[in-house]
Amino acid sequence: MSRPSAPRARLRELLAAPGTLVAPGAYDALSARLVEQAGFDVVYMTGFGTTASLVGRPDVGLLTGTEMVDNARRIVAAVDVPVIADADTGYGNAINVVRTVQLYEQAGVAGIHLEDQVMPKKCGHMSGKAVIGVEEMAGKIRAAVAARHDPDFLLIARTDSAAVEGLDAAIARARAYAEAGADVLFVEAPVSDADIERVATELKGVAPLVFNWAEGGRTPPIPLDRIRELGFSLVLYPIGTLLAATAGIQAFLRTLHRDGTPAATLPDLPTFDGFTDLIGLPEVRDLERRFAP
């Protein structure tokens, strides 16, 4: 009964601790289990990866809110650590945001981020983005605060305005979103070391900050020590697991196409028994012994 709320309190504790919380991206339940088994304290459900895995398409606003929440629910059920989920724009206006928050909270997610893009949105590291007005987005944040049932449910306000209106406007928007009630601030896609430092310096003390280490994206790939030094509370590595899985599958299929069998790839893959152990078959066997005739 208490499981859905406990990870939220845990996430708050982790963010309040010294240092920078690392959240690798997961795009499905299996990748989430792998993140947890690797020893990480939190899982980030990537919208980019969710879109790619569910429909095989780019992150350009193709998924509905219910599809995103369904994926979040499966990920939450697969792990015990807190899950932070991409909630895009909230899938509409402030009234839609109310329902979005309620659905993600019911799914057991520990926190979400909402962004100020115009629908349909685009990945934060793509060109051609557009943003709504700052007052409209502040209203969405206020609606999200009012909609949450559990006060530990974390609300992260993301602004994509740096690419559209410049960094000054993005920092001003972040301040406005904090005033509207956001718990954490996320300035997406600064494009230089100087921009990253400005975000960290000018928003220091306003609210905890997110750094999005988007693999191959527009933001410079600075070291984790530097991210810690600048005072970012949370760093996301959103799509590395997706890219790694894609590369592994492509290599496997090249070998299969060339040789006609996958035999040459097997030494580099988990064994059948090893994989079934990894995904919990011993637990199932134990349940069978306890309960099944």
Protein backbone atom coordinates (compact mmCIF):
# COMPACT_ATOMS: atom_id res chain seq x y z
CA MET A 1 0.00 0.00 0.00
CA SER A 2 2.85 2.42 0.79
CA ARG A 3 5.07 1.52 -2.16
CA PRO A 4 3.89 4.25 -4.58
CA SER A 5 4.69 7.11 -2.18
CA ALA A 6 7.93 5.79 -0.61
CA PRO A 7 10.08 6.31 -3.74
CA ARG A 8 8.98 9.95 -3.85
CA ALA A 9 10.30 10.65 -0.36
CA ARG A 10 13.46 8.78 -1.31
CA LEU A 11 13.93 10.96 -4.40
CA ARG A 12 13.59 14.11 -2.28
CA GLU A 13 16.24 12.74 0.11
CA LEU A 14 18.61 11.96 -2.75
CA LEU A 15 18.24 15.43 -4.25
CA ALA A 16 18.81 17.08 -0.88
CA ALA A 17 22.04 15.13 -0.28
CA PRO A 18 25.41 16.65 -1.20
CA GLY A 19 26.67 15.98 -4.70
CA THR A 20 24.89 15.29 -7.97
CA LEU A 21 22.29 12.57 -8.44
CA VAL A 22 22.88 10.53 -11.61
CA ALA A 23 19.81 9.31 -13.52
CA PRO A 24 20.42 7.11 -16.57
CA GLY A 25 17.62 6.95 -19.11
CA ALA A 26 15.37 3.94 -19.58
CA TYR A 27 12.94 3.46 -22.44
CA ASP A 28 11.16 0.31 -21.23
CA ALA A 29 10.88 -1.99 -18.22
CA LEU A 30 13.91 -4.10 -19.16
CA SER A 31 16.25 -1.13 -19.55
CA ALA A 32 14.92 0.25 -16.26
CA ARG A 33 15.77 -3.03 -14.49
CA LEU A 34 19.27 -2.89 -15.96
CA VAL A 35 19.73 0.67 -14.67
CA GLU A 36 18.67 -0.42 -11.19
CA GLN A 37 20.83 -3.56 -11.28
CA ALA A 38 23.85 -1.45 -12.27
CA GLY A 39 23.53 0.30 -8.91
CA PHE A 40 21.93 3.61 -9.79
CA ASP A 41 19.56 5.19 -7.28
CA VAL A 42 17.04 6.61 -9.76
CA VAL A 43 15.70 5.84 -13.24
CA TYR A 44 14.80 8.49 -15.81
CA MET A 45 12.07 7.57 -18.32
CA THR A 46 13.15 9.21 -21.55
CA GLY A 47 10.48 10.53 -23.90
CA PHE A 48 12.91 10.30 -26.82
CA GLY A 49 13.54 6.63 -26.05
CA THR A 50 9.90 5.89 -25.30
CA THR A 51 8.90 7.24 -28.70
CA ALA A 52 11.65 5.32 -30.48
CA SER A 53 10.83 2.06 -28.71
CA LEU A 54 7.04 2.25 -28.98
CA VAL A 55 6.57 3.56 -32.52
CA GLY A 56 10.07 3.54 -34.02
CA ARG A 57 9.89 7.26 -34.78
CA PRO A 58 11.66 10.46 -33.65
CA ASP A 59 10.64 12.51 -30.63
CA VAL A 60 8.44 15.09 -32.36
CA GLY A 61 5.27 14.89 -30.27
CA LEU A 62 3.81 11.74 -31.80
CA LEU A 63 2.92 9.96 -28.55
CA THR A 64 -0.15 10.74 -26.48
CA GLY A 65 -0.11 11.30 -22.76
CA THR A 66 -1.76 7.95 -22.11
CA GLU A 67 0.94 6.11 -24.08
CA MET A 68 3.64 7.87 -22.06
CA VAL A 69 1.90 7.13 -18.75
CA ASP A 70 1.44 3.46 -19.71
CA ASN A 71 5.17 3.16 -20.31
CA ALA A 72 5.90 4.92 -17.04
CA ARG A 73 3.60 2.52 -15.18
CA ARG A 74 5.43 -0.50 -16.57
CA ILE A 75 8.81 0.97 -15.68
CA VAL A 76 7.72 1.81 -12.14
CA ALA A 77 6.42 -1.75 -11.68
CA ALA A 78 9.76 -3.19 -12.78
CA VAL A 79 12.00 -1.38 -10.27
CA ASP A 80 12.10 -0.32 -6.64
CA VAL A 81 14.11 2.89 -7.12
CA PRO A 82 12.37 6.22 -7.86
CA VAL A 83 11.40 6.96 -11.46
CA ILE A 84 11.47 10.45 -12.95
CA ALA A 85 9.42 10.66 -16.15
CA ASP A 86 9.29 12.96 -19.13
CA ALA A 87 5.78 14.46 -19.31
CA ASP A 88 6.46 16.64 -22.37
CA THR A 89 4.19 19.70 -22.42
CA GLY A 90 1.53 18.14 -20.21
CA TYR A 91 -0.35 17.28 -23.43
CA GLY A 92 -2.39 20.44 -23.70
CA ASN A 93 -3.27 23.47 -21.62
CA ALA A 94 -3.30 23.88 -17.84
CA ILE A 95 -6.45 21.75 -17.54
CA ASN A 96 -4.74 18.92 -19.42
CA VAL A 97 -1.77 19.31 -17.08
CA VAL A 98 -4.05 18.60 -14.11
CA ARG A 99 -5.00 15.24 -15.59
CA THR A 100 -1.42 14.51 -16.67
CA VAL A 101 -0.14 15.00 -13.13
CA GLN A 102 -2.91 12.85 -11.70
CA LEU A 103 -2.20 10.01 -14.15
CA TYR A 104 1.55 10.02 -13.60
CA GLU A 105 1.04 10.12 -9.85
CA GLN A 106 -1.37 7.18 -10.05
CA ALA A 107 1.26 5.32 -12.10
CA GLY A 108 3.65 5.55 -9.15
CA VAL A 109 6.16 7.91 -10.73
CA ALA A 110 8.27 9.90 -8.24
CA GLY A 111 8.46 13.03 -10.37
CA ILE A 112 7.95 14.49 -13.84
CA HIS A 113 9.27 17.33 -15.93
CA LEU A 114 7.00 19.65 -17.88
CA GLU A 115 8.31 21.86 -20.68
CA ASP A 116 7.23 25.15 -22.21
CA GLN A 117 7.20 24.10 -25.86
CA VAL A 118 4.27 24.55 -28.21
CA MET A 119 2.46 21.31 -29.05
CA PRO A 120 3.44 19.23 -30.91
CA LYS A 121 6.82 19.44 -29.21
CA LYS A 122 10.25 18.34 -30.42
CA CYS A 123 13.24 16.80 -28.71
CA GLY A 124 15.05 19.56 -26.84
CA HIS A 125 18.18 19.09 -28.96
CA MET A 126 16.40 19.38 -32.33
CA SER A 127 15.96 22.57 -34.33
CA GLY A 128 12.61 24.17 -35.08
CA LYS A 129 11.27 24.42 -31.53
CA ALA A 130 8.69 27.02 -30.45
CA VAL A 131 7.67 28.01 -26.93
CA ILE A 132 4.46 29.21 -25.32
CA GLY A 133 4.26 32.44 -23.34
CA VAL A 134 5.87 32.57 -19.92
CA GLU A 135 2.57 33.36 -18.18
CA GLU A 136 0.84 30.42 -19.83
CA MET A 137 3.61 28.09 -18.69
CA ALA A 138 3.56 29.54 -15.17
CA GLY A 139 -0.15 28.75 -15.12
CA LYS A 140 0.62 25.16 -16.10
CA ILE A 141 3.09 24.89 -13.23
CA ARG A 142 0.54 26.27 -10.78
CA ALA A 143 -2.01 23.77 -12.09
CA ALA A 144 0.48 20.92 -11.63
CA VAL A 145 1.17 21.98 -8.04
CA ALA A 146 -2.55 22.11 -7.28
CA ALA A 147 -3.19 18.74 -8.96
CA ARG A 148 -0.70 16.59 -7.10
CA HIS A 149 -2.05 14.56 -4.22
CA ASP A 150 1.30 13.59 -2.70
CA PRO A 151 3.36 16.67 -1.78
CA ASP A 152 6.53 14.63 -2.34
CA PHE A 153 5.64 14.19 -6.03
CA LEU A 154 8.46 16.18 -7.69
CA LEU A 155 7.65 18.82 -10.30
CA ILE A 156 10.51 19.81 -12.60
CA ALA A 157 9.96 22.83 -14.84
CA ARG A 158 11.89 22.68 -18.09
CA THR A 159 12.36 25.62 -20.42
CA ASP A 160 13.34 25.15 -24.06
CA SER A 161 13.46 28.89 -24.66
CA ALA A 162 17.25 29.27 -24.85
CA ALA A 163 17.22 28.07 -28.46
CA VAL A 164 14.29 30.36 -29.32
CA GLU A 165 14.63 33.53 -27.22
CA GLY A 166 18.18 33.33 -25.92
CA LEU A 167 19.74 32.38 -22.61
CA ASP A 168 18.70 35.56 -20.77
CA ALA A 169 15.06 34.75 -21.46
CA ALA A 170 15.55 31.11 -20.46
CA ILE A 171 17.00 32.09 -17.09
CA ALA A 172 14.19 34.60 -16.53
CA ARG A 173 11.63 31.94 -17.40
CA ALA A 174 13.22 29.48 -14.98
CA ARG A 175 12.90 32.06 -12.19
CA ALA A 176 9.24 32.60 -13.06
CA TYR A 177 8.58 28.86 -13.00
CA ALA A 178 10.19 28.58 -9.57
CA GLU A 179 7.91 31.37 -8.34
CA ALA A 180 4.96 29.41 -9.76
CA GLY A 181 5.88 26.45 -7.55
CA ALA A 182 8.29 24.24 -9.48
CA ASP A 183 10.51 22.16 -7.20
CA VAL A 184 13.42 21.81 -9.64
CA LEU A 185 14.52 23.85 -12.69
CA PHE A 186 15.74 22.49 -16.03
CA VAL A 187 17.18 24.86 -18.64
CA GLU A 188 17.40 22.72 -21.75
CA ALA A 189 20.26 22.70 -24.26
CA PRO A 190 22.79 25.38 -23.28
CA VAL A 191 25.29 25.28 -26.14
CA SER A 192 28.60 26.31 -24.54
CA ASP A 193 30.58 25.93 -21.34
CA ALA A 194 29.95 29.61 -20.65
CA ASP A 195 26.19 29.13 -21.01
CA ILE A 196 26.23 26.15 -18.66
CA GLU A 197 28.13 28.19 -16.08
CA ARG A 198 25.71 31.11 -16.42
CA VAL A 199 22.72 28.83 -15.80
CA ALA A 200 24.36 27.39 -12.69
CA THR A 201 25.54 30.75 -11.35
CA GLU A 202 22.44 32.86 -12.00
CA LEU A 203 19.97 30.23 -10.75
CA LYS A 204 22.02 29.17 -7.73
CA GLY A 205 19.78 29.14 -4.67
CA VAL A 206 16.57 29.61 -6.66
CA ALA A 207 15.86 25.87 -6.85
CA PRO A 208 17.80 22.63 -7.47
CA LEU A 209 19.00 22.39 -11.07
CA VAL A 210 18.97 19.67 -13.74
CA PHE A 211 21.79 19.13 -16.23
CA ASN A 212 20.80 17.16 -19.32
CA TRP A 213 23.88 15.29 -20.58
CA ALA A 214 22.14 14.42 -23.85
CA GLU A 215 24.40 11.95 -25.64
CA GLY A 216 25.34 13.55 -28.96
CA GLY A 217 23.14 16.59 -28.30
CA ARG A 218 23.88 20.30 -28.46
CA THR A 219 25.14 20.71 -24.91
CA PRO A 220 28.91 20.19 -24.42
CA PRO A 221 29.67 16.82 -22.76
CA ILE A 222 31.35 18.19 -19.64
CA PRO A 223 32.76 15.86 -16.93
CA LEU A 224 30.64 14.85 -13.96
CA ASP A 225 33.15 16.50 -11.60
CA ARG A 226 32.51 19.82 -13.34
CA ILE A 227 28.74 19.30 -13.13
CA ARG A 228 29.11 18.72 -9.39
CA GLU A 229 31.38 21.75 -9.03
CA LEU A 230 28.78 23.97 -10.71
CA GLY A 231 26.14 22.75 -8.26
CA PHE A 232 23.69 20.86 -10.46
CA SER A 233 21.60 18.56 -8.27
CA LEU A 234 20.52 16.08 -10.96
CA VAL A 235 22.18 14.93 -14.18
CA LEU A 236 20.27 12.98 -16.81
CA TYR A 237 21.91 10.62 -19.30
CA PRO A 238 18.74 10.21 -21.34
CA ILE A 239 19.45 8.11 -24.43
CA GLY A 240 22.71 6.22 -23.89
CA THR A 241 20.93 2.95 -23.09
CA LEU A 242 18.81 3.31 -26.24
CA LEU A 243 21.87 4.02 -28.41
CA ALA A 244 23.79 1.13 -26.85
CA ALA A 245 20.89 -1.27 -27.44
CA THR A 246 20.56 -0.08 -31.03
CA ALA A 247 24.27 -0.59 -31.70
CA GLY A 248 24.17 -4.07 -30.14
CA ILE A 249 21.14 -5.15 -32.16
CA GLN A 250 22.65 -3.81 -35.38
CA ALA A 251 25.90 -5.72 -34.76
CA PHE A 252 23.97 -8.92 -34.01
CA LEU A 253 21.87 -8.58 -37.17
CA ARG A 254 24.92 -7.88 -39.36
CA THR A 255 26.49 -11.12 -38.16
CA LEU A 256 23.26 -13.07 -38.61
CA HIS A 257 22.81 -11.70 -42.14
CA ARG A 258 26.42 -12.50 -43.03
CA ASP A 259 26.72 -15.96 -41.46
CA GLY A 260 23.17 -17.26 -41.49
CA THR A 261 23.36 -18.05 -37.76
CA PRO A 262 24.17 -15.92 -34.69
CA ALA A 263 26.82 -18.35 -33.41
CA ALA A 264 29.71 -15.87 -33.71
CA THR A 265 27.92 -13.34 -31.51
CA LEU A 266 27.06 -15.69 -28.64
CA PRO A 267 30.33 -15.25 -26.66
CA ASP A 268 29.53 -11.54 -26.32
CA LEU A 269 25.91 -12.05 -25.25
CA PRO A 270 24.35 -13.06 -21.95
CA THR A 271 23.61 -16.76 -21.78
CA PHE A 272 19.99 -17.89 -21.87
CA ASP A 273 20.11 -18.94 -18.21
CA GLY A 274 21.99 -15.81 -17.23
CA PHE A 275 19.40 -13.62 -18.88
CA THR A 276 16.44 -15.40 -17.31
CA ASP A 277 18.12 -15.02 -13.92
CA LEU A 278 18.63 -11.31 -14.62
CA ILE A 279 14.94 -10.74 -15.33
CA GLY A 280 13.77 -12.57 -12.24
CA LEU A 281 13.14 -16.22 -13.03
CA PRO A 282 14.51 -17.37 -9.63
CA GLU A 283 11.86 -15.22 -7.93
CA VAL A 284 9.17 -16.83 -10.07
CA ARG A 285 10.47 -20.32 -9.21
CA ASP A 286 10.34 -19.42 -5.52
CA LEU A 287 6.72 -18.27 -5.87
CA GLU A 288 5.87 -21.50 -7.66
CA ARG A 289 7.33 -23.55 -4.82
CA ARG A 290 5.38 -21.51 -2.25
CA PHE A 291 2.01 -21.21 -3.92
CA ALA A 292 1.56 -23.35 -7.03
CA PRO A 293 0.62 -27.04 -6.81
